Amino acid sequence: MMLNEGCVQDCPKGYLSNYEASECYPLSDLDIKLIPFPCCIIAIVMFFLSYVGSVNKVKHLMIPNWLVMMGFLEHGILLS
């Protein structure tokens, strides 16, 4: 693999190899910083839906229902 114009056996800490395992890229080049914002918006929408459900039905538990919906969101995030 290539790192700073030199060959290395494995990428050092803080670097990630590309799909062909031919070059090492710094982790700061990844666009992971953009992922939480849509997820936070979805979590807020799910909380609002849980709140509306608790207002409409007395037996509806708002926080446990929201946590269950957050589990579905977590699985969706892992798949993306």
N, C-alpha and C. Protein backbone atom coordinates (compact mmCIF):
# COMPACT_ATOMS: atom_id res chain seq x y z
N MET A 1 0.84 -1.17 0.00
CA MET A 1 0.00 0.00 0.00
C MET A 1 0.89 1.24 0.00
N MET A 2 0.36 2.30 -0.56
CA MET A 2 1.11 3.55 -0.63
C MET A 2 0.65 4.50 0.47
N LEU A 3 1.62 5.12 1.13
CA LEU A 3 1.36 6.13 2.14
C LEU A 3 2.46 7.16 2.04
N ASN A 4 2.08 8.40 1.70
CA ASN A 4 3.05 9.50 1.56
C ASN A 4 4.21 9.13 0.65
N GLU A 5 3.88 8.63 -0.54
CA GLU A 5 4.86 8.27 -1.57
C GLU A 5 5.77 7.12 -1.16
N GLY A 6 5.40 6.33 -0.16
CA GLY A 6 6.19 5.18 0.26
C GLY A 6 5.29 3.97 0.46
N CYS A 7 5.88 2.80 0.38
CA CYS A 7 5.12 1.56 0.55
C CYS A 7 5.09 1.15 2.02
N VAL A 8 3.91 0.69 2.46
CA VAL A 8 3.76 0.19 3.83
C VAL A 8 3.01 -1.14 3.76
N GLN A 9 3.22 -1.98 4.76
CA GLN A 9 2.54 -3.27 4.83
C GLN A 9 1.07 -3.10 5.22
N ASP A 10 0.81 -2.22 6.19
CA ASP A 10 -0.55 -1.98 6.69
C ASP A 10 -0.68 -0.50 7.00
N CYS A 11 -1.90 0.03 6.91
CA CYS A 11 -2.11 1.45 7.19
C CYS A 11 -1.91 1.72 8.68
N PRO A 12 -1.25 2.81 9.03
CA PRO A 12 -1.06 3.14 10.45
C PRO A 12 -2.36 3.64 11.08
N LYS A 13 -2.31 3.83 12.38
CA LYS A 13 -3.49 4.31 13.11
C LYS A 13 -3.89 5.69 12.59
N GLY A 14 -5.18 5.89 12.35
CA GLY A 14 -5.67 7.16 11.83
C GLY A 14 -5.80 7.17 10.32
N TYR A 15 -5.48 6.05 9.68
CA TYR A 15 -5.58 5.93 8.23
C TYR A 15 -6.43 4.72 7.88
N LEU A 16 -7.02 4.76 6.69
CA LEU A 16 -7.88 3.69 6.23
C LEU A 16 -7.51 3.37 4.79
N SER A 17 -7.48 2.10 4.43
CA SER A 17 -7.14 1.73 3.05
C SER A 17 -8.36 1.86 2.15
N ASN A 18 -8.11 2.03 0.86
CA ASN A 18 -9.21 2.08 -0.10
C ASN A 18 -9.66 0.66 -0.41
N TYR A 19 -10.65 0.49 -1.30
CA TYR A 19 -11.21 -0.82 -1.58
C TYR A 19 -10.20 -1.75 -2.24
N GLU A 20 -9.30 -1.22 -3.04
CA GLU A 20 -8.31 -2.04 -3.73
C GLU A 20 -7.11 -2.35 -2.83
N ALA A 21 -7.07 -1.76 -1.64
CA ALA A 21 -5.95 -1.90 -0.70
C ALA A 21 -4.65 -1.45 -1.35
N SER A 22 -4.72 -0.35 -2.12
CA SER A 22 -3.52 0.15 -2.78
C SER A 22 -3.01 1.46 -2.17
N GLU A 23 -3.87 2.19 -1.46
CA GLU A 23 -3.47 3.45 -0.85
C GLU A 23 -4.10 3.60 0.53
N CYS A 24 -3.45 4.41 1.38
CA CYS A 24 -3.99 4.74 2.70
C CYS A 24 -4.48 6.18 2.70
N TYR A 25 -5.67 6.39 3.21
CA TYR A 25 -6.26 7.72 3.30
C TYR A 25 -6.48 8.09 4.76
N PRO A 26 -6.31 9.35 5.13
CA PRO A 26 -6.58 9.74 6.52
C PRO A 26 -8.08 9.69 6.81
N LEU A 27 -8.42 9.33 8.04
CA LEU A 27 -9.83 9.24 8.42
C LEU A 27 -10.54 10.59 8.37
N SER A 28 -9.78 11.68 8.43
CA SER A 28 -10.40 13.00 8.38
C SER A 28 -10.99 13.31 7.00
N ASP A 29 -10.62 12.53 5.97
CA ASP A 29 -11.17 12.74 4.63
C ASP A 29 -12.56 12.14 4.45
N LEU A 30 -13.01 11.32 5.41
CA LEU A 30 -14.33 10.69 5.29
C LEU A 30 -15.43 11.69 5.60
N ASP A 31 -16.60 11.48 5.02
CA ASP A 31 -17.75 12.37 5.22
C ASP A 31 -18.66 11.87 6.34
N ILE A 32 -18.12 11.20 7.34
CA ILE A 32 -18.94 10.66 8.43
C ILE A 32 -19.55 11.78 9.26
N LYS A 33 -18.96 12.96 9.24
CA LYS A 33 -19.47 14.07 10.05
C LYS A 33 -20.87 14.50 9.62
N LEU A 34 -21.29 14.18 8.42
CA LEU A 34 -22.59 14.62 7.92
C LEU A 34 -23.73 13.68 8.29
N ILE A 35 -23.44 12.47 8.74
CA ILE A 35 -24.48 11.47 8.99
C ILE A 35 -25.38 11.81 10.17
N PRO A 36 -24.90 12.32 11.31
CA PRO A 36 -25.80 12.48 12.47
C PRO A 36 -26.95 13.45 12.28
N PHE A 37 -26.82 14.44 11.43
CA PHE A 37 -27.88 15.45 11.35
C PHE A 37 -29.19 14.89 10.82
N PRO A 38 -29.23 14.12 9.73
CA PRO A 38 -30.52 13.53 9.34
C PRO A 38 -31.06 12.57 10.39
N CYS A 39 -30.16 11.86 11.07
CA CYS A 39 -30.60 10.92 12.09
C CYS A 39 -31.20 11.65 13.29
N CYS A 40 -30.64 12.78 13.65
CA CYS A 40 -31.20 13.57 14.75
C CYS A 40 -32.58 14.10 14.40
N ILE A 41 -32.76 14.52 13.16
CA ILE A 41 -34.07 15.00 12.72
C ILE A 41 -35.09 13.87 12.77
N ILE A 42 -34.71 12.68 12.32
CA ILE A 42 -35.60 11.53 12.36
C ILE A 42 -35.94 11.18 13.81
N ALA A 43 -34.96 11.24 14.72
CA ALA A 43 -35.21 10.95 16.13
C ALA A 43 -36.18 11.95 16.74
N ILE A 44 -36.06 13.22 16.37
CA ILE A 44 -36.98 14.24 16.88
C ILE A 44 -38.39 14.01 16.36
N VAL A 45 -38.50 13.62 15.08
CA VAL A 45 -39.81 13.32 14.50
C VAL A 45 -40.43 12.12 15.22
N MET A 46 -39.61 11.10 15.50
CA MET A 46 -40.13 9.93 16.23
C MET A 46 -40.57 10.30 17.64
N PHE A 47 -39.85 11.19 18.30
CA PHE A 47 -40.25 11.64 19.63
C PHE A 47 -41.58 12.38 19.55
N PHE A 48 -41.75 13.23 18.53
CA PHE A 48 -43.00 13.96 18.36
C PHE A 48 -44.16 12.99 18.12
N LEU A 49 -43.92 11.95 17.30
CA LEU A 49 -44.97 10.95 17.05
C LEU A 49 -45.33 10.19 18.33
N SER A 50 -44.32 9.89 19.14
CA SER A 50 -44.59 9.23 20.41
C SER A 50 -45.38 10.14 21.35
N TYR A 51 -45.06 11.43 21.34
CA TYR A 51 -45.79 12.39 22.17
C TYR A 51 -47.25 12.48 21.73
N VAL A 52 -47.47 12.53 20.42
CA VAL A 52 -48.85 12.60 19.90
C VAL A 52 -49.61 11.34 20.29
N GLY A 53 -48.95 10.18 20.24
CA GLY A 53 -49.60 8.94 20.66
C GLY A 53 -49.95 8.94 22.13
N SER A 54 -49.08 9.52 22.96
CA SER A 54 -49.39 9.56 24.40
C SER A 54 -50.52 10.53 24.72
N VAL A 55 -50.69 11.56 23.91
CA VAL A 55 -51.80 12.49 24.12
C VAL A 55 -53.11 11.85 23.71
N ASN A 56 -53.10 11.06 22.62
CA ASN A 56 -54.32 10.45 22.12
C ASN A 56 -54.78 9.25 22.94
N LYS A 57 -53.83 8.44 23.44
CA LYS A 57 -54.18 7.26 24.22
C LYS A 57 -53.54 7.37 25.59
N VAL A 58 -54.35 7.18 26.61
CA VAL A 58 -53.87 7.32 27.99
C VAL A 58 -52.88 6.21 28.35
N LYS A 59 -53.11 4.98 27.85
CA LYS A 59 -52.25 3.85 28.20
C LYS A 59 -50.94 3.84 27.42
N HIS A 60 -50.80 4.73 26.49
CA HIS A 60 -49.59 4.80 25.67
C HIS A 60 -48.43 5.34 26.51
N LEU A 61 -47.33 4.61 26.56
CA LEU A 61 -46.14 5.03 27.31
C LEU A 61 -45.19 5.73 26.35
N MET A 62 -44.98 7.02 26.55
CA MET A 62 -44.24 7.83 25.59
C MET A 62 -42.77 7.42 25.49
N ILE A 63 -42.06 7.40 26.59
CA ILE A 63 -40.61 7.14 26.55
C ILE A 63 -40.30 5.72 26.09
N PRO A 64 -40.94 4.66 26.62
CA PRO A 64 -40.63 3.31 26.11
C PRO A 64 -40.94 3.16 24.62
N ASN A 65 -42.03 3.76 24.16
CA ASN A 65 -42.37 3.68 22.74
C ASN A 65 -41.31 4.39 21.90
N TRP A 66 -40.84 5.53 22.37
CA TRP A 66 -39.81 6.27 21.64
C TRP A 66 -38.50 5.46 21.59
N LEU A 67 -38.18 4.79 22.70
CA LEU A 67 -36.96 3.97 22.72
C LEU A 67 -37.05 2.80 21.74
N VAL A 68 -38.23 2.21 21.61
CA VAL A 68 -38.42 1.14 20.63
C VAL A 68 -38.23 1.69 19.22
N MET A 69 -38.80 2.85 18.94
CA MET A 69 -38.62 3.46 17.62
C MET A 69 -37.16 3.83 17.37
N MET A 70 -36.44 4.23 18.42
CA MET A 70 -35.02 4.53 18.27
C MET A 70 -34.24 3.26 17.92
N GLY A 71 -34.70 2.10 18.39
CA GLY A 71 -34.07 0.84 18.00
C GLY A 71 -34.19 0.59 16.51
N PHE A 72 -35.36 0.87 15.95
CA PHE A 72 -35.52 0.74 14.50
C PHE A 72 -34.63 1.73 13.76
N LEU A 73 -34.52 2.94 14.29
CA LEU A 73 -33.64 3.94 13.68
C LEU A 73 -32.19 3.48 13.74
N GLU A 74 -31.79 2.90 14.86
CA GLU A 74 -30.40 2.42 14.99
C GLU A 74 -30.08 1.36 13.96
N HIS A 75 -31.00 0.43 13.76
CA HIS A 75 -30.78 -0.61 12.75
C HIS A 75 -30.71 -0.01 11.34
N GLY A 76 -31.54 0.98 11.08
CA GLY A 76 -31.46 1.66 9.79
C GLY A 76 -30.13 2.37 9.59
N ILE A 77 -29.62 2.98 10.66
CA ILE A 77 -28.33 3.66 10.58
C ILE A 77 -27.22 2.65 10.32
N LEU A 78 -27.28 1.50 10.99
CA LEU A 78 -26.25 0.49 10.78
C LEU A 78 -26.27 -0.05 9.36
N LEU A 79 -27.45 -0.17 8.77
CA LEU A 79 -27.55 -0.66 7.40
C LEU A 79 -27.08 0.39 6.38
N SER A 80 -27.20 1.66 6.74
CA SER A 80 -26.76 2.69 5.79
C SER A 80 -25.27 2.87 5.86
